[in-house]
Structures are given as C-alpha cells and as structure tokens.
Amino acid sequence: MSGVSTDRDMLYSFLQCNCKKGVSFPKQNSTTSLGIIDMRLKNISYDDCCNHYGVGNSTVKLIMSRYDEKGIPLDILKQMRSEEVDAIFYLHRKSEDIMPD
C-alpha cells in the first residue's frame, strides 16, 4: 500500500535521523551476523540465536531483514571480507551527514 510506513521504513528513518544527530548504535561483527543468518536458515529459534550470540531479538530480526533485502546467498557472504559484510549490513555515517552543534 502506498503511503503506509512499514516497521522497516520507520526503523530506517529513525536510524538515519539519529545517526545524523551523532547517536551511535552498536553493531555486531560480521562473524555474529553470519552466524545468526546461518542459525536462522537452519530454523533455529530466535531465542536460541539471541542466547548464543548475546544479542536481542530485534538485532536478530534486523540482521535477517537486511539479509532478505540484499538477497546475497550466505555462501557468498562467507567468502567476503568482514569489512564488505559490515558494509552490507550496517549504515555507515559520513562526516557530512552529521549535523553541526
């Protein structure tokens, strides 16, 4: 439906807005991201993923939604450098995006 924001759209807007304000959000390393994706593709529960990696349910959901959005197979992601995987899964602030005080 046009004009209706999805949860993902709202989260993206929130992250963009707060990143511009200089608020930082913790990111998981590529090993954690790939491990979570691997576990979820094996139908391992969200709770088990959270407990194994020490992250919250929203982190698992965010990683999986970004994985689904990108459409890159896990085997390909595992062959990439960690910096490349990070660039796929996490927003990176540019200095020009940060509003001055």
N, C-alpha and C. Protein backbone atom coordinates (compact mmCIF):
# COMPACT_ATOMS: atom_id res chain seq x y z
N MET A 1 0.84 -1.18 0.00
CA MET A 1 0.00 0.00 0.00
C MET A 1 0.88 1.23 0.00
N SER A 2 0.56 2.16 -0.85
CA SER A 2 1.34 3.38 -0.88
C SER A 2 0.91 4.30 0.25
N GLY A 3 1.86 5.03 0.78
CA GLY A 3 1.57 5.97 1.85
C GLY A 3 1.58 5.35 3.24
N VAL A 4 1.73 4.04 3.35
CA VAL A 4 1.74 3.38 4.65
C VAL A 4 3.17 2.98 4.96
N SER A 5 3.68 3.42 6.11
CA SER A 5 5.04 3.08 6.51
C SER A 5 5.08 1.69 7.10
N THR A 6 6.10 0.94 6.74
CA THR A 6 6.31 -0.36 7.35
C THR A 6 7.22 -0.17 8.56
N ASP A 7 7.31 -1.19 9.40
CA ASP A 7 8.21 -1.13 10.55
C ASP A 7 9.64 -0.88 10.09
N ARG A 8 10.02 -1.51 8.98
CA ARG A 8 11.38 -1.36 8.46
C ARG A 8 11.62 0.08 8.03
N ASP A 9 10.63 0.68 7.35
CA ASP A 9 10.77 2.08 6.92
C ASP A 9 10.93 3.00 8.13
N MET A 10 10.14 2.75 9.16
CA MET A 10 10.22 3.59 10.35
C MET A 10 11.56 3.43 11.04
N LEU A 11 12.07 2.19 11.13
CA LEU A 11 13.36 1.94 11.75
C LEU A 11 14.47 2.63 10.95
N TYR A 12 14.41 2.51 9.63
CA TYR A 12 15.42 3.13 8.79
C TYR A 12 15.42 4.64 8.98
N SER A 13 14.23 5.24 9.01
CA SER A 13 14.13 6.68 9.22
C SER A 13 14.68 7.08 10.58
N PHE A 14 14.36 6.29 11.60
CA PHE A 14 14.85 6.54 12.95
C PHE A 14 16.37 6.49 12.98
N LEU A 15 16.94 5.45 12.35
CA LEU A 15 18.39 5.30 12.35
C LEU A 15 19.05 6.45 11.60
N GLN A 16 18.51 6.81 10.45
CA GLN A 16 19.09 7.91 9.69
C GLN A 16 19.04 9.21 10.49
N CYS A 17 17.93 9.49 11.10
CA CYS A 17 17.75 10.72 11.87
C CYS A 17 18.74 10.76 13.03
N ASN A 18 18.81 9.67 13.78
CA ASN A 18 19.66 9.66 14.97
C ASN A 18 21.14 9.58 14.63
N CYS A 19 21.47 8.94 13.50
CA CYS A 19 22.88 8.93 13.09
C CYS A 19 23.32 10.34 12.73
N LYS A 20 22.44 11.12 12.13
CA LYS A 20 22.78 12.49 11.79
C LYS A 20 22.97 13.33 13.04
N LYS A 21 22.31 12.94 14.12
CA LYS A 21 22.46 13.67 15.37
C LYS A 21 23.69 13.23 16.15
N GLY A 22 24.39 12.22 15.64
CA GLY A 22 25.59 11.75 16.32
C GLY A 22 25.33 10.63 17.32
N VAL A 23 24.11 10.10 17.35
CA VAL A 23 23.80 8.98 18.24
C VAL A 23 24.34 7.73 17.58
N SER A 24 25.07 6.93 18.32
CA SER A 24 25.62 5.72 17.72
C SER A 24 24.84 4.50 18.18
N PHE A 25 24.79 3.51 17.32
CA PHE A 25 24.12 2.26 17.61
C PHE A 25 25.15 1.15 17.53
N PRO A 26 25.16 0.23 18.49
CA PRO A 26 26.14 -0.85 18.44
C PRO A 26 25.89 -1.73 17.24
N LYS A 27 26.96 -2.20 16.62
CA LYS A 27 26.81 -3.13 15.51
C LYS A 27 27.47 -4.44 15.88
N GLN A 28 27.01 -5.48 15.27
CA GLN A 28 27.59 -6.79 15.50
C GLN A 28 28.70 -7.01 14.49
N ASN A 29 29.70 -7.80 14.87
CA ASN A 29 30.74 -8.07 13.89
C ASN A 29 30.22 -9.04 12.84
N SER A 30 30.94 -9.18 11.75
CA SER A 30 30.46 -9.99 10.64
C SER A 30 30.30 -11.45 11.04
N THR A 31 31.13 -11.95 11.95
CA THR A 31 31.01 -13.33 12.40
C THR A 31 29.66 -13.56 13.08
N THR A 32 29.25 -12.61 13.90
CA THR A 32 27.96 -12.70 14.58
C THR A 32 26.82 -12.64 13.56
N SER A 33 26.89 -11.68 12.64
CA SER A 33 25.84 -11.54 11.63
C SER A 33 25.70 -12.82 10.82
N LEU A 34 26.83 -13.35 10.34
CA LEU A 34 26.77 -14.56 9.52
C LEU A 34 26.32 -15.77 10.34
N GLY A 35 26.73 -15.82 11.59
CA GLY A 35 26.31 -16.92 12.46
C GLY A 35 24.81 -16.90 12.70
N ILE A 36 24.26 -15.71 12.92
CA ILE A 36 22.82 -15.57 13.14
C ILE A 36 22.06 -15.99 11.88
N ILE A 37 22.54 -15.53 10.72
CA ILE A 37 21.88 -15.91 9.47
C ILE A 37 21.91 -17.42 9.29
N ASP A 38 23.06 -18.01 9.54
CA ASP A 38 23.22 -19.46 9.40
C ASP A 38 22.25 -20.20 10.33
N MET A 39 22.16 -19.77 11.57
CA MET A 39 21.26 -20.42 12.53
C MET A 39 19.80 -20.29 12.09
N ARG A 40 19.40 -19.09 11.67
CA ARG A 40 18.01 -18.87 11.28
C ARG A 40 17.65 -19.66 10.02
N LEU A 41 18.61 -19.79 9.08
CA LEU A 41 18.36 -20.59 7.88
C LEU A 41 18.19 -22.06 8.20
N LYS A 42 18.72 -22.48 9.34
CA LYS A 42 18.54 -23.86 9.82
C LYS A 42 17.32 -23.98 10.71
N ASN A 43 16.49 -22.92 10.73
CA ASN A 43 15.25 -22.87 11.52
C ASN A 43 15.48 -22.96 13.03
N ILE A 44 16.62 -22.49 13.48
CA ILE A 44 16.89 -22.40 14.91
C ILE A 44 16.15 -21.17 15.43
N SER A 45 15.55 -21.28 16.58
CA SER A 45 14.67 -20.24 17.10
C SER A 45 15.40 -18.91 17.34
N TYR A 46 14.60 -17.84 17.32
CA TYR A 46 15.14 -16.52 17.64
C TYR A 46 15.76 -16.53 19.03
N ASP A 47 15.07 -17.13 20.00
CA ASP A 47 15.59 -17.16 21.37
C ASP A 47 16.95 -17.84 21.44
N ASP A 48 17.10 -18.96 20.73
CA ASP A 48 18.39 -19.65 20.75
C ASP A 48 19.49 -18.81 20.10
N CYS A 49 19.15 -18.11 19.02
CA CYS A 49 20.12 -17.21 18.37
C CYS A 49 20.53 -16.10 19.33
N CYS A 50 19.53 -15.51 19.99
CA CYS A 50 19.80 -14.43 20.94
C CYS A 50 20.71 -14.90 22.07
N ASN A 51 20.38 -16.05 22.62
CA ASN A 51 21.17 -16.58 23.74
C ASN A 51 22.58 -16.94 23.30
N HIS A 52 22.72 -17.53 22.13
CA HIS A 52 24.04 -17.96 21.65
C HIS A 52 24.97 -16.76 21.40
N TYR A 53 24.44 -15.70 20.82
CA TYR A 53 25.27 -14.55 20.47
C TYR A 53 25.16 -13.38 21.44
N GLY A 54 24.29 -13.49 22.44
CA GLY A 54 24.17 -12.43 23.43
C GLY A 54 23.61 -11.14 22.86
N VAL A 55 22.64 -11.27 21.96
CA VAL A 55 22.01 -10.11 21.34
C VAL A 55 20.51 -10.16 21.61
N GLY A 56 19.84 -9.08 21.33
CA GLY A 56 18.39 -9.03 21.50
C GLY A 56 17.66 -9.53 20.27
N ASN A 57 16.38 -9.81 20.46
CA ASN A 57 15.53 -10.30 19.39
C ASN A 57 15.47 -9.30 18.23
N SER A 58 15.45 -8.02 18.56
CA SER A 58 15.38 -7.01 17.50
C SER A 58 16.64 -7.01 16.64
N THR A 59 17.79 -7.33 17.22
CA THR A 59 19.03 -7.42 16.45
C THR A 59 18.96 -8.57 15.46
N VAL A 60 18.45 -9.71 15.91
CA VAL A 60 18.31 -10.86 15.02
C VAL A 60 17.35 -10.52 13.88
N LYS A 61 16.24 -9.89 14.22
CA LYS A 61 15.26 -9.52 13.19
C LYS A 61 15.86 -8.53 12.19
N LEU A 62 16.62 -7.56 12.68
CA LEU A 62 17.23 -6.56 11.82
C LEU A 62 18.24 -7.21 10.87
N ILE A 63 19.08 -8.08 11.39
CA ILE A 63 20.07 -8.77 10.55
C ILE A 63 19.36 -9.60 9.49
N MET A 64 18.31 -10.31 9.87
CA MET A 64 17.59 -11.15 8.91
C MET A 64 16.85 -10.31 7.87
N SER A 65 16.30 -9.19 8.28
CA SER A 65 15.60 -8.36 7.30
C SER A 65 16.58 -7.78 6.29
N ARG A 66 17.76 -7.40 6.75
CA ARG A 66 18.78 -6.88 5.83
C ARG A 66 19.31 -7.99 4.93
N TYR A 67 19.42 -9.19 5.47
CA TYR A 67 19.84 -10.34 4.66
C TYR A 67 18.81 -10.59 3.56
N ASP A 68 17.55 -10.59 3.91
CA ASP A 68 16.48 -10.81 2.93
C ASP A 68 16.46 -9.70 1.88
N GLU A 69 16.64 -8.46 2.32
CA GLU A 69 16.65 -7.31 1.40
C GLU A 69 17.76 -7.42 0.36
N LYS A 70 18.94 -7.79 0.80
CA LYS A 70 20.10 -7.82 -0.09
C LYS A 70 20.07 -8.99 -1.05
N GLY A 71 19.54 -10.13 -0.61
CA GLY A 71 19.42 -11.29 -1.49
C GLY A 71 20.74 -11.95 -1.85
N ILE A 72 21.77 -11.72 -1.06
CA ILE A 72 23.07 -12.34 -1.32
C ILE A 72 23.13 -13.67 -0.58
N PRO A 73 23.42 -14.77 -1.29
CA PRO A 73 23.46 -16.08 -0.63
C PRO A 73 24.50 -16.12 0.49
N LEU A 74 24.20 -16.89 1.53
CA LEU A 74 25.10 -16.99 2.68
C LEU A 74 26.48 -17.48 2.27
N ASP A 75 26.56 -18.43 1.34
CA ASP A 75 27.86 -18.93 0.90
C ASP A 75 28.73 -17.82 0.32
N ILE A 76 28.11 -16.90 -0.41
CA ILE A 76 28.85 -15.77 -0.98
C ILE A 76 29.28 -14.82 0.14
N LEU A 77 28.38 -14.54 1.08
CA LEU A 77 28.72 -13.66 2.20
C LEU A 77 29.91 -14.21 3.00
N LYS A 78 29.95 -15.52 3.17
CA LYS A 78 31.04 -16.14 3.94
C LYS A 78 32.38 -16.00 3.24
N GLN A 79 32.38 -15.81 1.93
CA GLN A 79 33.62 -15.66 1.16
C GLN A 79 34.12 -14.22 1.14
N MET A 80 33.28 -13.29 1.56
CA MET A 80 33.63 -11.87 1.53
C MET A 80 34.47 -11.49 2.74
N ARG A 81 35.22 -10.39 2.60
CA ARG A 81 35.96 -9.84 3.73
C ARG A 81 34.97 -9.30 4.75
N SER A 82 35.36 -9.28 6.00
CA SER A 82 34.46 -8.81 7.06
C SER A 82 34.03 -7.36 6.84
N GLU A 83 34.91 -6.52 6.30
CA GLU A 83 34.55 -5.13 6.03
C GLU A 83 33.43 -5.04 5.01
N GLU A 84 33.46 -5.93 4.01
CA GLU A 84 32.42 -5.95 2.98
C GLU A 84 31.08 -6.38 3.58
N VAL A 85 31.12 -7.37 4.45
CA VAL A 85 29.89 -7.84 5.10
C VAL A 85 29.34 -6.73 5.98
N ASP A 86 30.21 -6.07 6.73
CA ASP A 86 29.77 -4.95 7.57
C ASP A 86 29.10 -3.86 6.73
N ALA A 87 29.67 -3.56 5.59
CA ALA A 87 29.11 -2.52 4.72
C ALA A 87 27.72 -2.90 4.22
N ILE A 88 27.47 -4.17 4.04
CA ILE A 88 26.17 -4.63 3.59
C ILE A 88 25.12 -4.51 4.69
N PHE A 89 25.50 -4.83 5.91
CA PHE A 89 24.53 -4.93 6.99
C PHE A 89 24.36 -3.69 7.86
N TYR A 90 25.29 -2.77 7.81
CA TYR A 90 25.21 -1.64 8.72
C TYR A 90 25.35 -0.31 8.02
N LEU A 91 24.58 0.67 8.50
CA LEU A 91 24.67 2.04 7.99
C LEU A 91 26.00 2.62 8.46
N HIS A 92 26.64 3.31 7.59
CA HIS A 92 27.89 3.98 7.96
C HIS A 92 27.68 5.48 7.88
N ARG A 93 28.05 6.15 8.92
CA ARG A 93 27.90 7.61 8.95
C ARG A 93 28.99 8.24 8.12
N LYS A 94 28.60 9.24 7.38
CA LYS A 94 29.56 10.07 6.66
C LYS A 94 29.67 11.37 7.45
N SER A 95 30.84 11.93 7.50
CA SER A 95 31.02 13.14 8.29
C SER A 95 30.10 14.25 7.83
N GLU A 96 29.77 14.30 6.53
CA GLU A 96 28.89 15.37 6.06
C GLU A 96 27.43 15.14 6.47
N ASP A 97 27.09 13.91 6.91
CA ASP A 97 25.73 13.62 7.35
C ASP A 97 25.48 14.06 8.79
N ILE A 98 26.54 14.31 9.54
CA ILE A 98 26.39 14.69 10.94
C ILE A 98 26.14 16.19 11.03
N MET A 99 25.06 16.53 11.67
CA MET A 99 24.71 17.95 11.79
C MET A 99 25.63 18.63 12.79
N PRO A 100 26.04 19.85 12.52
CA PRO A 100 26.90 20.57 13.45
C PRO A 100 26.15 20.95 14.72
N ASP A 101 26.89 21.16 15.79
CA ASP A 101 26.28 21.57 17.07
C ASP A 101 25.69 22.96 16.98
